[in-house]
Amino acid sequence: MPWQSGHYYLFSKLLINAVVPSESGIFALYACREQVFIAESADLRKALLHLHADMLRFGLTCPTGFTFELCPSPLRVKRLKQLLAEHDLVASDQPSNIVLYG
């Protein structure tokens, strides 16, 4: 099942604050329409703002956009794995070096 929201936004602090609720869900970051990162968080707004600030602080190239969907906490990991599979990415039960904020 593709992203439920169907909305895509410019990855900016202004838009994150304007459209992203502080609720449980899944989000993806994009670079020129290519999905580069999918994660889950108990607080979508906080996670996206933290990633945005870290990328600026460390001089990393910021993604161009993001999308998100609300998802109850007990279902987040299952939904994350569905989206990763749909986008040919691998969800591993092994710890990774990717920090999921939330």
N, C-alpha and C. Protein backbone atom coordinates (compact mmCIF):
# COMPACT_ATOMS: atom_id res chain seq x y z
N MET A 1 0.84 -1.18 0.00
CA MET A 1 0.00 0.00 0.00
C MET A 1 0.88 1.24 0.00
N PRO A 2 0.70 2.14 -0.97
CA PRO A 2 1.51 3.36 -1.01
C PRO A 2 1.20 4.28 0.16
N TRP A 3 1.91 5.39 0.20
CA TRP A 3 1.72 6.38 1.28
C TRP A 3 0.26 6.80 1.33
N GLN A 4 -0.31 6.78 2.51
CA GLN A 4 -1.73 7.09 2.68
C GLN A 4 -2.04 8.56 2.47
N SER A 5 -1.13 9.44 2.84
CA SER A 5 -1.44 10.87 2.74
C SER A 5 -1.42 11.36 1.30
N GLY A 6 -0.48 10.89 0.52
CA GLY A 6 -0.37 11.35 -0.86
C GLY A 6 0.15 12.76 -1.01
N HIS A 7 0.55 13.39 0.09
CA HIS A 7 1.06 14.75 0.06
C HIS A 7 2.57 14.74 0.24
N TYR A 8 3.24 15.61 -0.50
CA TYR A 8 4.69 15.73 -0.43
C TYR A 8 5.02 17.20 -0.21
N TYR A 9 5.99 17.45 0.64
CA TYR A 9 6.31 18.81 1.05
C TYR A 9 7.79 19.10 0.89
N LEU A 10 8.13 20.36 0.72
CA LEU A 10 9.51 20.82 0.73
C LEU A 10 10.07 20.61 2.13
N PHE A 11 11.29 20.08 2.24
CA PHE A 11 11.89 19.79 3.54
C PHE A 11 12.43 21.09 4.14
N SER A 12 11.54 21.81 4.81
CA SER A 12 11.91 23.08 5.45
C SER A 12 11.31 23.13 6.84
N LYS A 13 11.97 23.86 7.70
CA LYS A 13 11.49 24.02 9.08
C LYS A 13 10.09 24.63 9.09
N LEU A 14 9.85 25.61 8.24
CA LEU A 14 8.56 26.28 8.16
C LEU A 14 7.44 25.29 7.84
N LEU A 15 7.63 24.45 6.82
CA LEU A 15 6.60 23.50 6.44
C LEU A 15 6.44 22.38 7.45
N ILE A 16 7.55 21.94 8.05
CA ILE A 16 7.44 20.91 9.08
C ILE A 16 6.55 21.42 10.21
N ASN A 17 6.80 22.63 10.68
CA ASN A 17 5.98 23.21 11.74
C ASN A 17 4.53 23.44 11.31
N ALA A 18 4.33 23.76 10.04
CA ALA A 18 2.99 24.10 9.55
C ALA A 18 2.10 22.88 9.31
N VAL A 19 2.67 21.77 8.85
CA VAL A 19 1.81 20.66 8.40
C VAL A 19 1.97 19.36 9.19
N VAL A 20 3.04 19.20 9.92
CA VAL A 20 3.30 17.92 10.59
C VAL A 20 2.81 17.96 12.03
N PRO A 21 1.91 17.04 12.39
CA PRO A 21 1.45 17.01 13.78
C PRO A 21 2.47 16.33 14.70
N SER A 22 2.35 16.59 15.97
CA SER A 22 3.19 15.93 16.97
C SER A 22 2.51 14.63 17.38
N GLU A 23 2.39 13.73 16.42
CA GLU A 23 1.71 12.46 16.64
C GLU A 23 2.55 11.31 16.11
N SER A 24 2.13 10.11 16.44
CA SER A 24 2.82 8.89 16.03
C SER A 24 2.65 8.65 14.53
N GLY A 25 3.73 8.20 13.87
CA GLY A 25 3.61 7.92 12.45
C GLY A 25 4.91 7.51 11.78
N ILE A 26 4.85 7.48 10.46
CA ILE A 26 5.94 7.09 9.58
C ILE A 26 6.26 8.28 8.69
N PHE A 27 7.55 8.47 8.36
CA PHE A 27 7.90 9.56 7.44
C PHE A 27 8.98 9.11 6.48
N ALA A 28 9.08 9.82 5.38
CA ALA A 28 10.12 9.56 4.39
C ALA A 28 10.73 10.88 3.94
N LEU A 29 12.02 10.85 3.69
CA LEU A 29 12.73 12.00 3.14
C LEU A 29 13.07 11.70 1.69
N TYR A 30 13.02 12.71 0.84
CA TYR A 30 13.27 12.57 -0.59
C TYR A 30 14.36 13.52 -1.05
N ALA A 31 15.07 13.09 -2.07
CA ALA A 31 16.02 13.95 -2.79
C ALA A 31 15.66 13.85 -4.26
N CYS A 32 15.08 14.91 -4.78
CA CYS A 32 14.66 14.94 -6.19
C CYS A 32 13.81 13.74 -6.56
N ARG A 33 12.77 13.50 -5.79
CA ARG A 33 11.79 12.43 -6.02
C ARG A 33 12.32 11.01 -5.79
N GLU A 34 13.51 10.88 -5.32
CA GLU A 34 14.05 9.57 -4.99
C GLU A 34 14.03 9.43 -3.47
N GLN A 35 13.34 8.41 -3.00
CA GLN A 35 13.23 8.20 -1.57
C GLN A 35 14.59 7.81 -1.00
N VAL A 36 15.04 8.51 0.02
CA VAL A 36 16.37 8.23 0.57
C VAL A 36 16.34 7.75 2.01
N PHE A 37 15.21 7.89 2.70
CA PHE A 37 15.16 7.52 4.11
C PHE A 37 13.71 7.34 4.52
N ILE A 38 13.40 6.23 5.18
CA ILE A 38 12.06 6.00 5.72
C ILE A 38 12.25 5.61 7.18
N ALA A 39 11.46 6.20 8.06
CA ALA A 39 11.59 5.90 9.49
C ALA A 39 10.25 6.08 10.19
N GLU A 40 10.23 5.71 11.46
CA GLU A 40 9.03 5.86 12.27
C GLU A 40 9.37 6.66 13.52
N SER A 41 8.33 7.27 14.10
CA SER A 41 8.56 8.08 15.29
C SER A 41 7.28 8.22 16.10
N ALA A 42 7.43 8.36 17.40
CA ALA A 42 6.28 8.63 18.27
C ALA A 42 5.82 10.08 18.11
N ASP A 43 6.72 10.95 17.64
CA ASP A 43 6.42 12.37 17.46
C ASP A 43 7.02 12.81 16.13
N LEU A 44 6.19 12.80 15.09
CA LEU A 44 6.67 13.12 13.74
C LEU A 44 7.32 14.49 13.64
N ARG A 45 6.66 15.51 14.17
CA ARG A 45 7.21 16.87 14.07
C ARG A 45 8.58 16.96 14.72
N LYS A 46 8.70 16.44 15.93
CA LYS A 46 9.97 16.49 16.66
C LYS A 46 11.07 15.76 15.88
N ALA A 47 10.76 14.59 15.34
CA ALA A 47 11.75 13.81 14.58
C ALA A 47 12.23 14.56 13.34
N LEU A 48 11.29 15.12 12.58
CA LEU A 48 11.66 15.83 11.35
C LEU A 48 12.44 17.11 11.66
N LEU A 49 12.02 17.84 12.68
CA LEU A 49 12.76 19.05 13.06
C LEU A 49 14.17 18.71 13.53
N HIS A 50 14.31 17.63 14.26
CA HIS A 50 15.63 17.20 14.74
C HIS A 50 16.54 16.82 13.56
N LEU A 51 15.99 16.04 12.62
CA LEU A 51 16.78 15.68 11.43
C LEU A 51 17.18 16.92 10.63
N HIS A 52 16.24 17.84 10.46
CA HIS A 52 16.51 19.06 9.71
C HIS A 52 17.64 19.85 10.36
N ALA A 53 17.57 20.03 11.69
CA ALA A 53 18.59 20.78 12.41
C ALA A 53 19.95 20.08 12.35
N ASP A 54 19.95 18.76 12.50
CA ASP A 54 21.22 18.01 12.44
C ASP A 54 21.88 18.13 11.07
N MET A 55 21.09 18.06 10.02
CA MET A 55 21.65 18.15 8.68
C MET A 55 22.28 19.52 8.44
N LEU A 56 21.62 20.55 8.92
CA LEU A 56 22.18 21.89 8.78
C LEU A 56 23.43 22.05 9.64
N ARG A 57 23.37 21.56 10.88
CA ARG A 57 24.49 21.70 11.82
C ARG A 57 25.75 21.00 11.31
N PHE A 58 25.59 19.84 10.72
CA PHE A 58 26.75 19.07 10.28
C PHE A 58 27.10 19.28 8.82
N GLY A 59 26.42 20.21 8.17
CA GLY A 59 26.73 20.54 6.79
C GLY A 59 26.37 19.46 5.80
N LEU A 60 25.39 18.63 6.15
CA LEU A 60 24.96 17.57 5.25
C LEU A 60 23.99 18.13 4.22
N THR A 61 23.96 17.53 3.07
CA THR A 61 23.02 17.93 2.04
C THR A 61 21.62 17.54 2.49
N CYS A 62 20.74 18.49 2.57
CA CYS A 62 19.38 18.21 3.01
C CYS A 62 18.57 17.58 1.89
N PRO A 63 17.67 16.68 2.26
CA PRO A 63 16.73 16.18 1.26
C PRO A 63 15.88 17.34 0.74
N THR A 64 15.28 17.15 -0.42
CA THR A 64 14.46 18.21 -0.98
C THR A 64 13.03 18.17 -0.48
N GLY A 65 12.57 17.01 -0.03
CA GLY A 65 11.19 16.91 0.39
C GLY A 65 10.94 15.80 1.39
N PHE A 66 9.68 15.76 1.86
CA PHE A 66 9.28 14.72 2.79
C PHE A 66 7.80 14.43 2.65
N THR A 67 7.39 13.29 3.15
CA THR A 67 5.99 12.93 3.28
C THR A 67 5.84 12.21 4.61
N PHE A 68 4.61 12.03 5.04
CA PHE A 68 4.37 11.33 6.30
C PHE A 68 2.96 10.79 6.32
N GLU A 69 2.74 9.86 7.23
CA GLU A 69 1.38 9.40 7.50
C GLU A 69 1.28 9.09 8.99
N LEU A 70 0.12 9.33 9.55
CA LEU A 70 -0.12 9.01 10.95
C LEU A 70 -0.32 7.51 11.08
N CYS A 71 0.18 6.97 12.17
CA CYS A 71 0.09 5.53 12.40
C CYS A 71 0.15 5.29 13.91
N PRO A 72 -0.80 4.53 14.45
CA PRO A 72 -0.77 4.26 15.90
C PRO A 72 0.52 3.54 16.29
N SER A 73 0.97 3.84 17.48
CA SER A 73 2.23 3.31 17.97
C SER A 73 2.38 1.79 17.81
N PRO A 74 1.38 0.98 18.16
CA PRO A 74 1.55 -0.47 18.05
C PRO A 74 1.73 -0.97 16.61
N LEU A 75 1.34 -0.16 15.62
CA LEU A 75 1.41 -0.58 14.22
C LEU A 75 2.56 0.04 13.45
N ARG A 76 3.31 0.95 14.06
CA ARG A 76 4.35 1.70 13.33
C ARG A 76 5.40 0.81 12.69
N VAL A 77 5.96 -0.12 13.44
CA VAL A 77 7.05 -0.95 12.90
C VAL A 77 6.54 -1.83 11.76
N LYS A 78 5.34 -2.38 11.91
CA LYS A 78 4.76 -3.20 10.84
C LYS A 78 4.57 -2.36 9.57
N ARG A 79 4.02 -1.16 9.72
CA ARG A 79 3.79 -0.27 8.57
C ARG A 79 5.11 0.17 7.95
N LEU A 80 6.10 0.44 8.80
CA LEU A 80 7.43 0.81 8.30
C LEU A 80 7.98 -0.30 7.43
N LYS A 81 7.88 -1.54 7.88
CA LYS A 81 8.39 -2.68 7.10
C LYS A 81 7.64 -2.84 5.78
N GLN A 82 6.32 -2.58 5.78
CA GLN A 82 5.55 -2.62 4.54
C GLN A 82 6.08 -1.60 3.53
N LEU A 83 6.28 -0.38 4.00
CA LEU A 83 6.76 0.68 3.11
C LEU A 83 8.18 0.40 2.62
N LEU A 84 9.03 -0.10 3.49
CA LEU A 84 10.39 -0.44 3.08
C LEU A 84 10.37 -1.51 1.99
N ALA A 85 9.51 -2.52 2.15
CA ALA A 85 9.40 -3.58 1.15
C ALA A 85 8.88 -3.04 -0.18
N GLU A 86 7.90 -2.16 -0.12
CA GLU A 86 7.34 -1.57 -1.34
C GLU A 86 8.37 -0.74 -2.10
N HIS A 87 9.30 -0.17 -1.39
CA HIS A 87 10.31 0.68 -2.02
C HIS A 87 11.64 -0.04 -2.18
N ASP A 88 11.58 -1.38 -2.12
CA ASP A 88 12.76 -2.23 -2.30
C ASP A 88 13.90 -1.90 -1.35
N LEU A 89 13.55 -1.54 -0.13
CA LEU A 89 14.53 -1.32 0.92
C LEU A 89 14.37 -2.44 1.93
N VAL A 90 15.39 -2.71 2.68
CA VAL A 90 15.37 -3.84 3.59
C VAL A 90 15.16 -3.37 5.02
N ALA A 91 14.23 -4.01 5.70
CA ALA A 91 14.03 -3.76 7.13
C ALA A 91 14.69 -4.91 7.87
N SER A 92 15.62 -4.60 8.70
CA SER A 92 16.35 -5.62 9.44
C SER A 92 16.01 -5.55 10.92
N ASP A 93 15.96 -6.72 11.54
CA ASP A 93 15.76 -6.75 12.99
C ASP A 93 17.06 -6.48 13.72
N GLN A 94 18.17 -6.44 12.99
CA GLN A 94 19.46 -6.15 13.58
C GLN A 94 19.60 -4.66 13.83
N PRO A 95 20.28 -4.27 14.90
CA PRO A 95 20.52 -2.85 15.13
C PRO A 95 21.32 -2.24 13.96
N SER A 96 20.99 -1.02 13.63
CA SER A 96 21.70 -0.35 12.55
C SER A 96 22.37 0.91 13.09
N ASN A 97 23.08 1.59 12.21
CA ASN A 97 23.71 2.84 12.60
C ASN A 97 22.79 4.02 12.34
N ILE A 98 21.55 3.77 11.96
CA ILE A 98 20.57 4.82 11.73
C ILE A 98 19.80 5.04 13.02
N VAL A 99 19.75 6.28 13.45
CA VAL A 99 19.03 6.62 14.67
C VAL A 99 17.63 7.07 14.29
N LEU A 100 16.61 6.41 14.81
CA LEU A 100 15.24 6.80 14.56
C LEU A 100 14.79 7.67 15.73
N TYR A 101 14.52 8.93 15.45
CA TYR A 101 14.14 9.85 16.50
C TYR A 101 12.69 9.61 16.91
N GLY A 102 12.41 9.79 18.17
CA GLY A 102 11.05 9.67 18.65
C GLY A 102 11.02 8.85 19.84
